[in-house]
Amino acid sequence: MPMIGRDRPTWLKRSVALIRLAVGVLPIMAAVVMLPAPAFSQPPVSITQCGKIDKPGLYELDSDLVVSQPSAGDCVVITAANVALNLNHFDVLGATSAVGVHVMKTAARAVIEGSGSTIQTFGVGIQIDAPDALADNFTVLSNTDAGVLLNHVQQANLSNFYSIGNKNDGVRITGGGFNVLQMPTIQRNGRFGVWAENSSHNAVGNFIVQDNSLAGIYVGCSPAGPHGLCPRGLTAASDYNYMFSGVAGIFSSGVQQYGVAIDHGDSFNRVVNVVAQQNLEFDLLDLNSDCGSNYWFAEEEFGEVEPQNCIN
């Protein structure tokens, strides 16, 4: 599919080539390290239809996977630990509110190599419930909830991917920590580009978040965004998240209320070296008095910010 809004400011291009090289080989190296020895001697297992992966090893798609029945459920379900799945340039297409590729709690250390593949028109494109997952080079498009859902997981690493036109969120991190999003392009989602919900110690770097209706990146607990009410009983804050070296704004004729927003009660978050312009409300927003213990520093370019005395 066409690359949407891929032109990056000159300051951001300087390190992209080296980072892309590093993250491009990371899943392959990880698969080699993590898979049991017997897996090395076997060719990848071919996948030509939706189903469950319940044994460790190497797998790859050999055709597009199409879910035509709304009641069909999740398409690719990984239940075994130490699985490496290559989407192999094929697409996963749904007509259901279920999940395109679902990494279950038992499937620790999964590796998903997107290889230019698209996962679209599910409820969630990729959902990860297990720790230590790696995924890169994929597109999640036009899903009815989120492109990617990191569901109460630790140490997932997602790199060089697109999440575009999903009804709610590009990426939602719910109750997780120590997850990393590297070089994502997240555009035209109906609510947030990235939502850190009840989640701490996550990092989003070298990002483009544009034209996401409420906010490019939101750290908080309200589905309605800054100033909204949190669901009853949700008390855990989102602390120690790190957003750096990215672009958060409006591209062409899009809509985005806030570039990067941190809600009240969320502390020790860091926003560094960000370009944020042309958002409709505020480009950078912290609802804590004098930014509380959050740290906003060395922003490259920005327009309207609040509070002005602690965002620079």
Protein backbone atom coordinates (compact mmCIF):
# COMPACT_ATOMS: atom_id res chain seq x y z
CA MET A 1 0.00 0.00 0.00
CA PRO A 2 1.18 3.58 -0.48
CA MET A 3 3.31 5.10 2.23
CA ILE A 4 1.21 7.87 3.75
CA GLY A 5 3.01 10.93 5.00
CA ARG A 6 6.47 9.36 5.10
CA ASP A 7 8.48 12.57 4.54
CA ARG A 8 10.31 13.24 7.79
CA PRO A 9 12.04 16.42 8.91
CA THR A 10 15.75 16.56 8.19
CA TRP A 11 16.66 16.31 11.86
CA LEU A 12 14.87 12.99 12.09
CA LYS A 13 16.48 11.43 9.01
CA ARG A 14 19.98 11.49 10.42
CA SER A 15 19.69 8.33 12.48
CA VAL A 16 16.94 6.47 10.63
CA ALA A 17 19.18 4.37 8.39
CA LEU A 18 21.21 2.92 11.23
CA ILE A 19 18.14 2.31 13.37
CA ARG A 20 16.29 0.66 10.49
CA LEU A 21 19.21 -1.69 9.89
CA ALA A 22 19.36 -2.65 13.55
CA VAL A 23 15.65 -3.27 14.03
CA GLY A 24 15.35 -5.04 10.69
CA VAL A 25 17.61 -7.89 11.77
CA LEU A 26 16.42 -7.98 15.37
CA PRO A 27 13.47 -10.39 14.87
CA ILE A 28 15.59 -12.77 12.83
CA MET A 29 18.35 -12.83 15.44
CA ALA A 30 15.80 -13.24 18.20
CA ALA A 31 14.17 -16.17 16.45
CA VAL A 32 17.49 -17.93 16.08
CA VAL A 33 18.35 -17.43 19.73
CA MET A 34 14.99 -18.39 21.18
CA LEU A 35 13.87 -21.38 19.16
CA PRO A 36 14.70 -24.88 20.40
CA ALA A 37 17.54 -26.66 18.56
CA PRO A 38 15.27 -29.10 16.65
CA ALA A 39 13.55 -26.16 14.97
CA PHE A 40 16.74 -25.21 13.11
CA SER A 41 16.73 -28.36 11.02
CA GLN A 42 13.15 -27.93 9.81
CA PRO A 43 11.88 -25.70 6.98
CA PRO A 44 9.12 -23.22 7.93
CA VAL A 45 5.69 -24.73 8.35
CA SER A 46 3.38 -23.45 5.60
CA ILE A 47 0.15 -21.71 6.63
CA THR A 48 -2.63 -21.36 4.06
CA GLN A 49 -5.66 -20.95 6.32
CA CYS A 50 -6.60 -19.51 9.68
CA GLY A 51 -5.89 -21.68 12.68
CA LYS A 52 -3.88 -22.29 15.83
CA ILE A 53 -0.10 -22.53 16.19
CA ASP A 54 0.46 -24.73 19.22
CA LYS A 55 4.05 -25.92 18.75
CA PRO A 56 7.30 -23.91 18.80
CA GLY A 57 9.08 -23.44 15.48
CA LEU A 58 9.20 -21.43 12.26
CA TYR A 59 6.00 -20.69 10.35
CA GLU A 60 5.17 -18.64 7.26
CA LEU A 61 2.08 -17.70 5.28
CA ASP A 62 1.90 -19.10 1.77
CA SER A 63 -1.30 -17.31 0.75
CA ASP A 64 -3.61 -14.52 1.84
CA LEU A 65 -5.84 -15.48 4.75
CA VAL A 66 -9.46 -14.35 4.40
CA VAL A 67 -12.10 -14.50 7.13
CA SER A 68 -15.47 -14.04 5.46
CA GLN A 69 -17.81 -14.98 8.32
CA PRO A 70 -18.32 -12.49 11.20
CA SER A 71 -18.64 -15.39 13.65
CA ALA A 72 -15.38 -17.06 12.60
CA GLY A 73 -13.31 -15.76 15.54
CA ASP A 74 -9.60 -14.97 15.59
CA CYS A 75 -7.65 -15.90 12.47
CA VAL A 76 -4.05 -16.80 13.44
CA VAL A 77 -3.82 -17.79 17.11
CA ILE A 78 -0.39 -18.47 18.62
CA THR A 79 -0.55 -20.49 21.83
CA ALA A 80 2.97 -21.99 21.99
CA ALA A 81 6.07 -20.21 23.24
CA ASN A 82 9.04 -19.65 20.92
CA VAL A 83 7.14 -19.23 17.66
CA ALA A 84 8.49 -17.21 14.73
CA LEU A 85 5.82 -16.28 12.18
CA ASN A 86 6.70 -14.71 8.83
CA LEU A 87 3.68 -13.14 7.13
CA ASN A 88 5.72 -13.38 3.93
CA HIS A 89 4.11 -10.44 2.05
CA PHE A 90 0.64 -11.99 2.29
CA ASP A 91 -2.36 -10.25 3.85
CA VAL A 92 -4.74 -11.24 6.63
CA LEU A 93 -8.24 -9.95 5.80
CA GLY A 94 -11.23 -10.10 8.11
CA ALA A 95 -14.95 -9.47 8.33
CA THR A 96 -15.22 -9.95 12.07
CA SER A 97 -14.78 -8.18 15.40
CA ALA A 98 -12.20 -10.77 16.46
CA VAL A 99 -8.40 -10.56 16.09
CA GLY A 100 -6.25 -10.99 13.00
CA VAL A 101 -3.09 -12.30 14.70
CA HIS A 102 -3.50 -13.13 18.41
CA VAL A 103 -0.50 -13.97 20.60
CA MET A 104 -2.01 -15.67 23.63
CA LYS A 105 -0.68 -15.53 27.22
CA THR A 106 1.08 -18.87 26.82
CA ALA A 107 3.02 -17.75 23.73
CA ALA A 108 6.01 -15.97 25.26
CA ARG A 109 8.82 -14.77 23.00
CA ALA A 110 6.78 -14.77 19.80
CA VAL A 111 8.36 -13.18 16.73
CA ILE A 112 6.16 -11.74 13.97
CA GLU A 113 7.90 -10.58 10.80
CA GLY A 114 5.40 -8.50 8.84
CA SER A 115 7.34 -8.47 5.56
CA GLY A 116 5.12 -5.75 4.11
CA SER A 117 1.88 -7.57 4.94
CA THR A 118 -1.42 -5.91 5.89
CA ILE A 119 -3.85 -7.04 8.58
CA GLN A 120 -7.18 -5.32 8.15
CA THR A 121 -10.91 -5.17 8.93
CA PHE A 122 -10.82 -7.18 12.15
CA GLY A 123 -11.74 -5.87 15.58
CA VAL A 124 -8.02 -5.74 16.47
CA GLY A 125 -5.28 -6.30 13.93
CA ILE A 126 -2.59 -7.71 16.22
CA GLN A 127 -3.22 -8.47 19.90
CA ILE A 128 -0.35 -9.52 22.14
CA ASP A 129 -1.09 -11.02 25.56
CA ALA A 130 2.31 -12.65 26.20
CA PRO A 131 5.66 -11.15 27.28
CA ASP A 132 8.79 -10.59 25.22
CA ALA A 133 7.13 -10.42 21.79
CA LEU A 134 8.81 -8.91 18.74
CA ALA A 135 6.97 -7.65 15.65
CA ASP A 136 7.99 -5.43 12.74
CA ASN A 137 7.36 -4.37 9.14
CA PHE A 138 3.59 -4.80 9.18
CA THR A 139 0.54 -2.64 8.47
CA VAL A 140 -2.68 -2.76 10.50
CA LEU A 141 -5.48 -1.01 8.64
CA SER A 142 -9.17 -0.20 9.10
CA ASN A 143 -9.82 -2.40 12.13
CA THR A 144 -12.96 -1.62 14.12
CA ASP A 145 -11.20 -1.17 17.46
CA ALA A 146 -7.39 -0.92 17.49
CA GLY A 147 -4.63 -1.66 15.05
CA VAL A 148 -2.45 -3.10 17.82
CA LEU A 149 -3.44 -4.02 21.38
CA LEU A 150 -0.73 -4.75 23.94
CA ASN A 151 -2.84 -6.36 26.61
CA HIS A 152 -1.22 -6.41 30.08
CA VAL A 153 2.15 -7.40 28.65
CA GLN A 154 5.77 -6.65 29.44
CA GLN A 155 8.71 -6.09 27.11
CA ALA A 156 7.03 -6.22 23.72
CA ASN A 157 9.08 -4.55 20.98
CA LEU A 158 7.30 -3.33 17.83
CA SER A 159 9.23 -1.56 15.09
CA ASN A 160 8.90 0.05 11.67
CA PHE A 161 5.16 -0.44 11.27
CA TYR A 162 2.05 1.40 10.08
CA SER A 163 -1.26 1.67 11.92
CA ILE A 164 -3.76 3.58 9.83
CA GLY A 165 -7.49 4.26 9.78
CA ASN A 166 -8.52 2.11 12.74
CA LYS A 167 -11.81 3.11 14.34
CA ASN A 168 -10.44 3.73 17.84
CA ASP A 169 -6.68 3.54 18.42
CA GLY A 170 -3.57 2.97 16.39
CA VAL A 171 -1.80 1.29 19.33
CA ARG A 172 -3.32 0.79 22.78
CA ILE A 173 -1.11 -0.30 25.67
CA THR A 174 -3.40 -1.46 28.48
CA GLY A 175 -1.97 -2.34 31.86
CA GLY A 176 1.49 -3.04 30.45
CA GLY A 177 5.05 -1.95 31.02
CA PHE A 178 8.53 -1.83 29.52
CA ASN A 179 7.17 -2.04 25.98
CA VAL A 180 8.86 -0.27 23.05
CA LEU A 181 7.41 1.19 19.85
CA GLN A 182 10.17 2.11 17.38
CA MET A 183 9.66 4.07 14.17
CA PRO A 184 5.87 3.72 13.93
CA THR A 185 3.76 5.70 11.49
CA ILE A 186 0.32 6.05 13.06
CA GLN A 187 -2.27 8.07 11.17
CA ARG A 188 -5.99 8.74 10.78
CA ASN A 189 -7.23 6.67 13.69
CA GLY A 190 -10.57 7.63 15.21
CA ARG A 191 -9.41 8.28 18.77
CA PHE A 192 -5.71 8.08 19.76
CA GLY A 193 -2.59 7.31 17.79
CA VAL A 194 -0.93 5.75 20.86
CA TRP A 195 -2.79 5.34 24.15
CA ALA A 196 -0.82 4.41 27.28
CA GLU A 197 -3.72 3.37 29.53
CA ASN A 198 -2.86 2.37 33.08
CA SER A 199 0.62 1.58 31.73
CA SER A 200 4.11 2.62 32.82
CA HIS A 201 7.75 2.41 31.70
CA ASN A 202 6.89 2.30 27.98
CA ALA A 203 8.84 4.06 25.22
CA VAL A 204 7.69 5.50 21.88
CA GLY A 205 10.54 6.73 19.68
CA ASN A 206 11.17 8.12 16.20
CA PHE A 207 7.44 8.27 15.60
CA ILE A 208 5.01 9.95 13.21
CA VAL A 209 1.54 10.38 14.74
CA GLN A 210 -0.76 12.46 12.55
CA ASP A 211 -4.46 13.08 12.07
CA ASN A 212 -5.64 10.91 14.97
CA SER A 213 -8.90 12.53 16.01
CA LEU A 214 -8.31 13.11 19.75
CA ALA A 215 -4.54 12.90 20.30
CA GLY A 216 -1.39 11.66 18.67
CA ILE A 217 -0.07 10.24 21.96
CA TYR A 218 -2.19 10.19 25.11
CA VAL A 219 -0.97 9.16 28.55
CA GLY A 220 -4.04 8.79 30.74
CA CYS A 221 -7.07 6.73 31.59
CA SER A 222 -10.03 8.45 29.90
CA PRO A 223 -11.47 7.10 26.62
CA ALA A 224 -12.55 10.69 25.97
CA GLY A 225 -8.99 12.01 26.25
CA PRO A 226 -7.66 14.91 28.33
CA HIS A 227 -10.12 16.34 30.87
CA GLY A 228 -12.31 13.23 30.56
CA LEU A 229 -13.44 10.89 33.31
CA CYS A 230 -11.68 7.60 33.99
CA PRO A 231 -13.71 4.40 34.23
CA ARG A 232 -14.92 3.69 37.74
CA GLY A 233 -12.45 1.72 39.81
CA LEU A 234 -9.42 2.53 37.65
CA THR A 235 -6.85 4.02 40.03
CA ALA A 236 -3.40 3.10 38.67
CA ALA A 237 -1.54 5.95 37.02
CA SER A 238 0.61 5.84 33.88
CA ASP A 239 4.10 6.81 34.99
CA TYR A 240 7.66 6.80 33.62
CA ASN A 241 6.67 6.66 29.95
CA TYR A 242 9.16 8.10 27.47
CA MET A 243 8.20 9.77 24.16
CA PHE A 244 11.12 11.02 22.07
CA SER A 245 12.23 12.17 18.62
CA GLY A 246 8.92 12.24 16.79
CA VAL A 247 6.32 14.26 14.89
CA ALA A 248 2.84 14.84 16.29
CA GLY A 249 0.51 17.03 14.27
CA ILE A 250 -1.83 17.46 11.36
CA PHE A 251 -0.85 16.35 7.88
CA SER A 252 -2.63 17.94 4.93
CA SER A 253 -6.32 18.39 5.81
CA GLY A 254 -6.51 16.00 8.76
CA VAL A 255 -7.81 16.51 12.30
CA GLN A 256 -5.99 16.04 15.61
CA GLN A 257 -6.92 17.85 18.82
CA TYR A 258 -3.69 17.30 20.76
CA GLY A 259 -0.19 16.29 19.71
CA VAL A 260 1.12 14.76 22.96
CA ALA A 261 -1.07 14.94 26.08
CA ILE A 262 -0.44 13.78 29.65
CA ASP A 263 -3.49 13.66 31.88
CA HIS A 264 -3.86 14.62 35.53
CA GLY A 265 -2.24 12.26 38.03
CA ASP A 266 0.24 10.69 35.60
CA SER A 267 3.81 11.35 36.73
CA PHE A 268 7.51 11.05 35.84
CA ASN A 269 6.81 10.86 32.12
CA ARG A 270 9.37 12.26 29.66
CA VAL A 271 8.70 14.03 26.35
CA VAL A 272 11.91 14.97 24.55
CA ASN A 273 12.83 16.25 21.08
CA VAL A 274 9.34 16.33 19.56
CA VAL A 275 7.94 18.36 16.67
CA ALA A 276 4.29 19.20 17.45
CA GLN A 277 2.43 21.75 15.34
CA GLN A 278 -1.00 22.60 13.93
CA ASN A 279 -3.00 20.50 16.38
CA LEU A 280 -6.42 22.05 16.90
CA GLU A 281 -6.31 22.51 20.71
CA PHE A 282 -2.78 22.16 22.08
CA ASP A 283 0.32 20.74 20.49
CA LEU A 284 1.75 19.70 23.87
CA LEU A 285 -0.46 19.45 26.96
CA ASP A 286 0.15 18.53 30.60
CA LEU A 287 -2.84 18.70 32.92
CA ASN A 288 -0.69 18.49 36.05
CA SER A 289 0.02 21.78 37.82
CA ASP A 290 3.38 23.10 36.54
CA CYS A 291 3.70 19.75 34.73
CA GLY A 292 4.01 18.01 38.10
CA SER A 293 6.98 15.64 37.94
CA ASN A 294 6.73 15.20 34.17
CA TYR A 295 9.67 16.41 32.11
CA TRP A 296 9.28 18.25 28.78
CA PHE A 297 12.60 19.22 27.24
CA ALA A 298 14.36 20.08 23.97
CA GLU A 299 11.21 20.07 21.86
CA GLU A 300 12.31 20.76 18.29
CA GLU A 301 9.30 22.78 17.14
CA PHE A 302 5.96 23.39 18.78
CA GLY A 303 3.02 25.76 18.66
CA GLU A 304 0.42 26.05 21.42
CA VAL A 305 1.38 24.44 24.72
CA GLU A 306 -0.08 24.31 28.21
CA PRO A 307 1.36 25.05 30.77
CA GLN A 308 3.77 27.38 29.02
CA ASN A 309 6.18 27.73 31.92
CA CYS A 310 7.24 24.06 32.02
CA ILE A 311 7.10 22.90 28.40
CA ASN A 312 10.09 24.02 26.35
